[in-house]
C-alpha atoms as a PDB file:
ATOM      1  CA  MET A   1     122.270 111.722  71.238  1.00  0.00           C
ATOM      2  CA  PHE A   2     119.314 110.780  69.032  1.00  0.00           C
ATOM      3  CA  GLN A   3     118.126 107.260  69.762  1.00  0.00           C
ATOM      4  CA  LEU A   4     115.977 104.810  67.877  1.00  0.00           C
ATOM      5  CA  ARG A   5     114.151 102.224  69.958  1.00  0.00           C
ATOM      6  CA  ASN A   6     112.064  99.793  67.972  1.00  0.00           C
ATOM      7  CA  THR A   7     109.305  97.662  69.453  1.00  0.00           C
ATOM      8  CA  ALA A   8     109.718  94.418  67.578  1.00  0.00           C
ATOM      9  CA  SER A   9     108.397  91.026  68.688  1.00  0.00           C
ATOM     10  CA  THR A  10     109.563  87.533  69.479  1.00  0.00           C
ATOM     11  CA  ALA A  11     107.759  86.744  66.217  1.00  0.00           C
ATOM     12  CA  ALA A  12     110.755  88.258  64.410  1.00  0.00           C
ATOM     13  CA  ILE A  13     112.994  85.770  66.197  1.00  0.00           C
ATOM     14  CA  SER A  14     111.148  82.461  66.539  1.00  0.00           C
ATOM     15  CA  SER A  15     110.876  80.242  63.484  1.00  0.00           C
ATOM     16  CA  SER A  16     107.473  79.262  62.162  1.00  0.00           C
ATOM     17  CA  THR A  17     108.196  75.610  62.848  1.00  0.00           C
ATOM     18  CA  PHE A  18     110.419  74.324  65.619  1.00  0.00           C
ATOM     19  CA  GLU A  19     111.326  71.245  67.610  1.00  0.00           C
ATOM     20  CA  ASP A  20     109.608  70.776  70.944  1.00  0.00           C
ATOM     21  CA  GLY A  21     111.598  72.494  73.683  1.00  0.00           C
ATOM     22  CA  ARG A  22     113.489  74.855  71.361  1.00  0.00           C
ATOM     23  CA  VAL A  23     115.139  77.835  73.060  1.00  0.00           C
ATOM     24  CA  PHE A  24     115.447  80.942  70.882  1.00  0.00           C
ATOM     25  CA  SER A  25     118.040  83.648  71.450  1.00  0.00           C
ATOM     26  CA  ASN A  26     118.538  87.193  70.177  1.00  0.00           C
ATOM     27  CA  GLU A  27     120.730  85.792  67.407  1.00  0.00           C
ATOM     28  CA  ASP A  28     117.812  83.930  65.808  1.00  0.00           C
ATOM     29  CA  TRP A  29     115.576  85.170  63.013  1.00  0.00           C
ATOM     30  CA  CYS A  30     112.213  84.043  61.672  1.00  0.00           C
ATOM     31  CA  ASP A  31     113.527  82.928  58.291  1.00  0.00           C
ATOM     32  CA  ASP A  32     110.951  80.286  57.346  1.00  0.00           C
ATOM     33  CA  SER A  33     107.822  82.454  57.202  1.00  0.00           C
ATOM     34  CA  SER A  34     105.803  83.454  54.160  1.00  0.00           C
ATOM     35  CA  VAL A  35     102.681  85.386  53.218  1.00  0.00           C
ATOM     36  CA  LYS A  36     100.677  82.160  53.345  1.00  0.00           C
ATOM     37  CA  PHE A  37     102.321  80.665  56.435  1.00  0.00           C
ATOM     38  CA  ASN A  38     103.049  82.987  59.352  1.00  0.00           C
ATOM     39  CA  PRO A  39     102.657  86.381  57.622  1.00  0.00           C
ATOM     40  CA  TYR A  40     102.952  88.091  61.024  1.00  0.00           C
ATOM     41  CA  GLY A  41     106.408  86.668  61.595  1.00  0.00           C
ATOM     42  CA  LEU A  42     107.384  87.596  58.047  1.00  0.00           C
ATOM     43  CA  ALA A  43     106.247  91.192  58.579  1.00  0.00           C
ATOM     44  CA  LYS A  44     108.040  91.564  61.919  1.00  0.00           C
ATOM     45  CA  ALA A  45     111.332  90.083  60.724  1.00  0.00           C
ATOM     46  CA  SER A  46     111.250  92.013  57.440  1.00  0.00           C
ATOM     47  CA  ALA A  47     110.507  95.316  59.168  1.00  0.00           C
ATOM     48  CA  GLU A  48     113.354  94.870  61.628  1.00  0.00           C
ATOM     49  CA  ARG A  49     115.780  94.001  58.845  1.00  0.00           C
ATOM     50  CA  VAL A  50     114.782  97.156  56.958  1.00  0.00           C
ATOM     51  CA  VAL A  51     115.583  99.239  60.037  1.00  0.00           C
ATOM     52  CA  ARG A  52     118.863  97.453  60.684  1.00  0.00           C
ATOM     53  CA  ASP A  53     119.968  97.653  57.043  1.00  0.00           C
ATOM     54  CA  TRP A  54     119.270 101.374  57.010  1.00  0.00           C
ATOM     55  CA  HIS A  55     121.114 101.780  60.312  1.00  0.00           C
ATOM     56  CA  ALA A  56     124.167  99.922  58.995  1.00  0.00           C
ATOM     57  CA  GLN A  57     124.389 102.155  55.911  1.00  0.00           C
ATOM     58  CA  ALA A  58     123.635 105.524  57.550  1.00  0.00           C
ATOM     59  CA  LYS A  59     126.556 107.967  57.803  1.00  0.00           C
ATOM     60  CA  ASP A  60     125.679 109.222  61.260  1.00  0.00           C
ATOM     61  CA  PRO A  61     123.168 106.679  62.589  1.00  0.00           C
ATOM     62  CA  PRO A  62     121.319 107.051  65.877  1.00  0.00           C
ATOM     63  CA  ARG A  63     121.780 104.560  68.679  1.00  0.00           C
ATOM     64  CA  LEU A  64     119.561 101.580  67.839  1.00  0.00           C
ATOM     65  CA  VAL A  65     118.035  99.077  70.274  1.00  0.00           C
ATOM     66  CA  THR A  66     115.150  96.713  69.554  1.00  0.00           C
ATOM     67  CA  ILE A  67     112.799  95.343  72.210  1.00  0.00           C
ATOM     68  CA  HIS A  68     111.134  91.974  71.522  1.00  0.00           C
ATOM     69  CA  PRO A  69     108.129  91.189  73.734  1.00  0.00           C
ATOM     70  CA  CYS A  70     106.205  87.935  73.555  1.00  0.00           C
ATOM     71  CA  VAL A  71     102.495  87.493  74.383  1.00  0.00           C
ATOM     72  CA  THR A  72     101.807  90.598  76.469  1.00  0.00           C
ATOM     73  CA  PHE A  73      99.405  90.581  79.408  1.00  0.00           C
ATOM     74  CA  GLY A  74      98.724  93.199  82.061  1.00  0.00           C
ATOM     75  CA  PRO A  75      95.987  95.654  83.055  1.00  0.00           C
ATOM     76  CA  PRO A  76      94.129  97.004  80.008  1.00  0.00           C
ATOM     77  CA  MET A  77      93.148 100.681  80.066  1.00  0.00           C
ATOM     78  CA  THR A  78      90.338 100.537  77.499  1.00  0.00           C
ATOM     79  CA  ARG A  79      88.168  97.984  75.733  1.00  0.00           C
ATOM     80  CA  ARG A  80      90.383  98.392  72.657  1.00  0.00           C
ATOM     81  CA  HIS A  81      93.260  96.782  74.517  1.00  0.00           C
ATOM     82  CA  LEU A  82      91.389  93.471  74.505  1.00  0.00           C
ATOM     83  CA  ARG A  83      92.623  92.802  70.978  1.00  0.00           C
ATOM     84  CA  GLY A  84      95.886  91.103  70.142  1.00  0.00           C
ATOM     85  CA  SER A  85      97.537  89.222  72.990  1.00  0.00           C
ATOM     86  CA  LEU A  86      94.603  89.741  75.345  1.00  0.00           C
ATOM     87  CA  SER A  87      92.340  87.778  73.017  1.00  0.00           C
ATOM     88  CA  PHE A  88      93.739  84.700  74.800  1.00  0.00           C
ATOM     89  CA  ILE A  89      92.273  85.984  78.066  1.00  0.00           C
ATOM     90  CA  VAL A  90      88.993  87.107  76.491  1.00  0.00           C
ATOM     91  CA  ALA A  91      88.476  83.603  75.083  1.00  0.00           C
ATOM     92  CA  LEU A  92      88.947  82.104  78.558  1.00  0.00           C
ATOM     93  CA  ILE A  93      86.543  84.575  80.174  1.00  0.00           C
ATOM     94  CA  ASN A  94      83.906  83.850  77.535  1.00  0.00           C
ATOM     95  CA  ARG A  95      84.616  80.106  77.681  1.00  0.00           C
ATOM     96  CA  ASN A  96      84.857  80.176  73.901  1.00  0.00           C
ATOM     97  CA  PRO A  97      85.721  77.440  73.251  1.00  0.00           C
ATOM     98  CA  PRO A  98      84.493  75.648  76.396  1.00  0.00           C
ATOM     99  CA  MET A  99      87.739  73.668  76.548  1.00  0.00           C
ATOM    100  CA  VAL A 100      91.313  74.943  76.348  1.00  0.00           C
ATOM    101  CA  ILE A 101      93.554  74.018  73.462  1.00  0.00           C
ATOM    102  CA  PRO A 102      96.963  72.394  74.118  1.00  0.00           C
ATOM    103  CA  LEU A 103      98.839  75.640  73.504  1.00  0.00           C
ATOM    104  CA  HIS A 104     101.976  76.802  75.306  1.00  0.00           C
ATOM    105  CA  VAL A 105     102.625  80.557  75.450  1.00  0.00           C
ATOM    106  CA  ASN A 106     105.449  82.784  76.631  1.00  0.00           C
ATOM    107  CA  VAL A 107     104.170  85.735  78.651  1.00  0.00           C
ATOM    108  CA  VAL A 108     105.422  89.174  79.695  1.00  0.00           C
ATOM    109  CA  ASP A 109     103.713  91.989  81.589  1.00  0.00           C
ATOM    110  CA  VAL A 110     103.030  95.183  79.625  1.00  0.00           C
ATOM    111  CA  ARG A 111     104.515  97.171  82.501  1.00  0.00           C
ATOM    112  CA  ASP A 112     107.768  95.265  82.112  1.00  0.00           C
ATOM    113  CA  VAL A 113     107.756  95.973  78.373  1.00  0.00           C
ATOM    114  CA  ALA A 114     107.439  99.685  79.132  1.00  0.00           C
ATOM    115  CA  GLU A 115     110.230  99.444  81.707  1.00  0.00           C
ATOM    116  CA  ALA A 116     112.516  97.758  79.178  1.00  0.00           C
ATOM    117  CA  HIS A 117     111.967 100.633  76.743  1.00  0.00           C
ATOM    118  CA  VAL A 118     112.844 103.197  79.391  1.00  0.00           C
ATOM    119  CA  ARG A 119     115.982 101.332  80.429  1.00  0.00           C
ATOM    120  CA  ALA A 120     117.059 100.974  76.799  1.00  0.00           C
ATOM    121  CA  LEU A 121     117.257 104.771  76.578  1.00  0.00           C
ATOM    122  CA  ARG A 122     120.547 104.678  78.444  1.00  0.00           C
ATOM    123  CA  GLY A 123     121.398 101.042  78.972  1.00  0.00           C
ATOM    124  CA  GLY A 124     122.047  98.040  76.809  1.00  0.00           C
ATOM    125  CA  GLN A 125     124.355  97.500  73.898  1.00  0.00           C
ATOM    126  CA  PRO A 126     124.131  99.718  70.786  1.00  0.00           C
ATOM    127  CA  GLY A 127     122.416  97.618  68.160  1.00  0.00           C
ATOM    128  CA  GLY A 128     121.159  95.234  70.831  1.00  0.00           C
ATOM    129  CA  ARG A 129     118.159  92.950  70.439  1.00  0.00           C
ATOM    130  CA  TYR A 130     116.463  92.280  73.763  1.00  0.00           C
ATOM    131  CA  LEU A 131     113.967  89.496  74.304  1.00  0.00           C
ATOM    132  CA  VAL A 132     111.433  90.620  76.892  1.00  0.00           C
ATOM    133  CA  VAL A 133     109.882  87.451  78.356  1.00  0.00           C
ATOM    134  CA  GLY A 134     108.750  86.970  81.946  1.00  0.00           C
ATOM    135  CA  GLY A 135     107.637  83.346  81.981  1.00  0.00           C
ATOM    136  CA  HIS A 136     105.596  80.704  80.229  1.00  0.00           C
ATOM    137  CA  ALA A 137     102.526  78.525  80.752  1.00  0.00           C
ATOM    138  CA  TRP A 138     100.092  76.193  79.064  1.00  0.00           C
ATOM    139  CA  MET A 139      96.624  77.579  78.460  1.00  0.00           C
ATOM    140  CA  ARG A 140      95.183  75.100  80.955  1.00  0.00           C
ATOM    141  CA  ASP A 141      97.520  76.505  83.622  1.00  0.00           C
ATOM    142  CA  ILE A 142      96.362  80.050  82.872  1.00  0.00           C
ATOM    143  CA  ALA A 143      92.747  78.903  83.213  1.00  0.00           C
ATOM    144  CA  LYS A 144      93.576  77.327  86.590  1.00  0.00           C
ATOM    145  CA  ILE A 145      95.151  80.591  87.834  1.00  0.00           C
ATOM    146  CA  LEU A 146      91.972  82.448  86.903  1.00  0.00           C
ATOM    147  CA  GLU A 147      89.737  79.817  88.450  1.00  0.00           C
ATOM    148  CA  ASP A 148      91.587  80.138  91.755  1.00  0.00           C
ATOM    149  CA  GLU A 149      91.365  83.956  91.683  1.00  0.00           C
ATOM    150  CA  PHE A 150      87.763  84.174  90.450  1.00  0.00           C
ATOM    151  CA  PRO A 151      86.034  81.056  91.841  1.00  0.00           C
ATOM    152  CA  ASP A 152      82.541  82.481  91.284  1.00  0.00           C
ATOM    153  CA  ARG A 153      82.969  82.357  87.519  1.00  0.00           C
ATOM    154  CA  LYS A 154      83.023  79.298  85.317  1.00  0.00           C
ATOM    155  CA  TRP A 155      86.306  78.660  83.528  1.00  0.00           C
ATOM    156  CA  PRO A 156      87.349  76.046  80.981  1.00  0.00           C
ATOM    157  CA  ARG A 157      88.783  73.083  82.857  1.00  0.00           C
ATOM    158  CA  ARG A 158      89.335  70.358  80.319  1.00  0.00           C
ATOM    159  CA  GLN A 159      91.883  70.400  77.522  1.00  0.00           C
ATOM    160  CA  ILE A 160      90.651  69.477  74.079  1.00  0.00           C
ATOM    161  CA  PRO A 161      92.409  66.417  72.622  1.00  0.00           C
ATOM    162  CA  TYR A 162      95.005  67.190  69.993  1.00  0.00           C
ATOM    163  CA  SER A 163      93.125  65.349  67.242  1.00  0.00           C
ATOM    164  CA  LEU A 164      89.958  67.332  67.925  1.00  0.00           C
ATOM    165  CA  ALA A 165      91.954  70.567  67.983  1.00  0.00           C
ATOM    166  CA  LEU A 166      93.218  69.804  64.485  1.00  0.00           C
ATOM    167  CA  LEU A 167      89.680  69.095  63.344  1.00  0.00           C
ATOM    168  CA  ALA A 168      88.431  72.356  64.855  1.00  0.00           C
ATOM    169  CA  ALA A 169      91.184  74.234  63.018  1.00  0.00           C
ATOM    170  CA  LEU A 170      89.540  73.242  59.741  1.00  0.00           C
ATOM    171  CA  PHE A 171      86.588  75.481  60.574  1.00  0.00           C
ATOM    172  CA  HIS A 172      88.299  78.215  62.581  1.00  0.00           C
ATOM    173  CA  PRO A 173      88.420  81.637  60.855  1.00  0.00           C
ATOM    174  CA  LYS A 174      91.895  82.532  62.180  1.00  0.00           C
ATOM    175  CA  ILE A 175      93.672  79.219  62.883  1.00  0.00           C
ATOM    176  CA  THR A 176      94.871  76.918  60.121  1.00  0.00           C
ATOM    177  CA  VAL A 177      95.620  73.231  60.355  1.00  0.00           C
ATOM    178  CA  SER A 178      99.246  73.872  59.398  1.00  0.00           C
ATOM    179  CA  TRP A 179      99.593  76.381  62.258  1.00  0.00           C
ATOM    180  CA  ALA A 180      97.978  73.959  64.698  1.00  0.00           C
ATOM    181  CA  ARG A 181     100.329  71.153  63.702  1.00  0.00           C
ATOM    182  CA  ALA A 182     103.335  73.437  64.061  1.00  0.00           C
ATOM    183  CA  HIS A 183     102.427  74.818  67.497  1.00  0.00           C
ATOM    184  CA  LEU A 184     100.001  72.701  69.496  1.00  0.00           C
ATOM    185  CA  ARG A 185     101.483  70.357  72.121  1.00  0.00           C
ATOM    186  CA  LYS A 186     104.895  71.983  71.622  1.00  0.00           C
ATOM    187  CA  GLN A 187     106.901  74.240  73.897  1.00  0.00           C
ATOM    188  CA  SER A 188     109.338  76.933  72.866  1.00  0.00           C
ATOM    189  CA  PHE A 189     111.292  79.289  75.092  1.00  0.00           C
ATOM    190  CA  PHE A 190     113.225  82.544  74.804  1.00  0.00           C
ATOM    191  CA  ASP A 191     116.513  83.501  76.408  1.00  0.00           C
ATOM    192  CA  ALA A 192     115.784  86.814  78.131  1.00  0.00           C
ATOM    193  CA  SER A 193     119.026  86.812  80.125  1.00  0.00           C
ATOM    194  CA  PRO A 194     120.609  89.655  78.059  1.00  0.00           C
ATOM    195  CA  ALA A 195     117.753  91.952  79.117  1.00  0.00           C
ATOM    196  CA  GLU A 196     118.235  90.877  82.719  1.00  0.00           C
ATOM    197  CA  ARG A 197     122.002  91.294  82.576  1.00  0.00           C
ATOM    198  CA  GLU A 198     122.370  94.424  80.426  1.00  0.00           C
ATOM    199  CA  LEU A 199     119.123  96.285  81.152  1.00  0.00           C
ATOM    200  CA  GLY A 200     118.763  95.095  84.744  1.00  0.00           C
ATOM    201  CA  MET A 201     115.271  93.739  84.083  1.00  0.00           C
ATOM    202  CA  GLU A 202     113.325  91.789  86.680  1.00  0.00           C
ATOM    203  CA  TRP A 203     110.040  90.235  85.607  1.00  0.00           C
ATOM    204  CA  ARG A 204     106.682  90.301  87.324  1.00  0.00           C
ATOM    205  CA  PRO A 205     105.341  86.805  88.036  1.00  0.00           C
ATOM    206  CA  ILE A 206     103.056  85.749  85.215  1.00  0.00           C
ATOM    207  CA  GLU A 207     100.354  84.919  87.779  1.00  0.00           C
ATOM    208  CA  GLU A 208     100.278  88.603  88.716  1.00  0.00           C
ATOM    209  CA  SER A 209     100.102  89.660  85.063  1.00  0.00           C
ATOM    210  CA  ILE A 210      97.257  87.249  84.319  1.00  0.00           C
ATOM    211  CA  ILE A 211      95.170  88.292  87.331  1.00  0.00           C
ATOM    212  CA  ASP A 212      95.823  92.007  86.796  1.00  0.00           C
ATOM    213  CA  THR A 213      94.607  91.586  83.223  1.00  0.00           C
ATOM    214  CA  VAL A 214      91.228  90.202  84.207  1.00  0.00           C
ATOM    215  CA  HIS A 215      90.264  92.479  87.105  1.00  0.00           C
ATOM    216  CA  PRO A 216      89.771  95.631  84.942  1.00  0.00           C
ATOM    217  CA  ILE A 217      87.898  93.634  82.303  1.00  0.00           C
ATOM    218  CA  LEU A 218      85.369  92.305  84.796  1.00  0.00           C
ATOM    219  CA  GLU A 219      85.128  95.513  86.824  1.00  0.00           C
ATOM    220  CA  ASN A 220      84.357  97.577  83.711  1.00  0.00           C
ATOM    221  CA  ASP A 221      82.134  94.923  82.146  1.00  0.00           C
ATOM    222  CA  TRP A 222      84.068  95.117  78.899  1.00  0.00           C
ATOM    223  CA  ILE A 223      82.869  91.763  77.583  1.00  0.00           C
END
């Protein structure tokens, strides 16, 4: 049977703004995004809807499953892999900025993302949407994990006050004040239990993912 497995993102599921502590499920959609505010979420949700609309109208559609990873860590294979999610880690290694921002992130290991794709070939529900999330942490906690593993390097220790983070967003080339207000100091979570129950997924500890990300970077002197 022909199968269609789509790598989506939690960005297609989580709303652009949310209450602190919100838990998102595979029934949620990013419906409050726009080109000016959260264009990434808009693109991910729109692309998935195009695929699902086509699938619903096709006469003999393939089996469809979508995989939704969050911030993805894990051992990079080349310098190019330092873009995207790993930019969080690169910023900590470079101590740029010298303090961590009050940002909470959901994390999954790239090896678990690959495993979920393989398992979706035969397992899971037709038409299923599977959140692939292994854990979560504040940026200051990630910095502490790296400091314990690599004590000979200097790591950001202090967290920048929220008010100063908003001020810094005014001059940041990629972060807007509206984004900072919507995300900083807030936690959101994702219900990955369907992937655990229907795909049999077990997640690597995020500490392992974080450490395994940094070792190849330092060993290959990629930054």
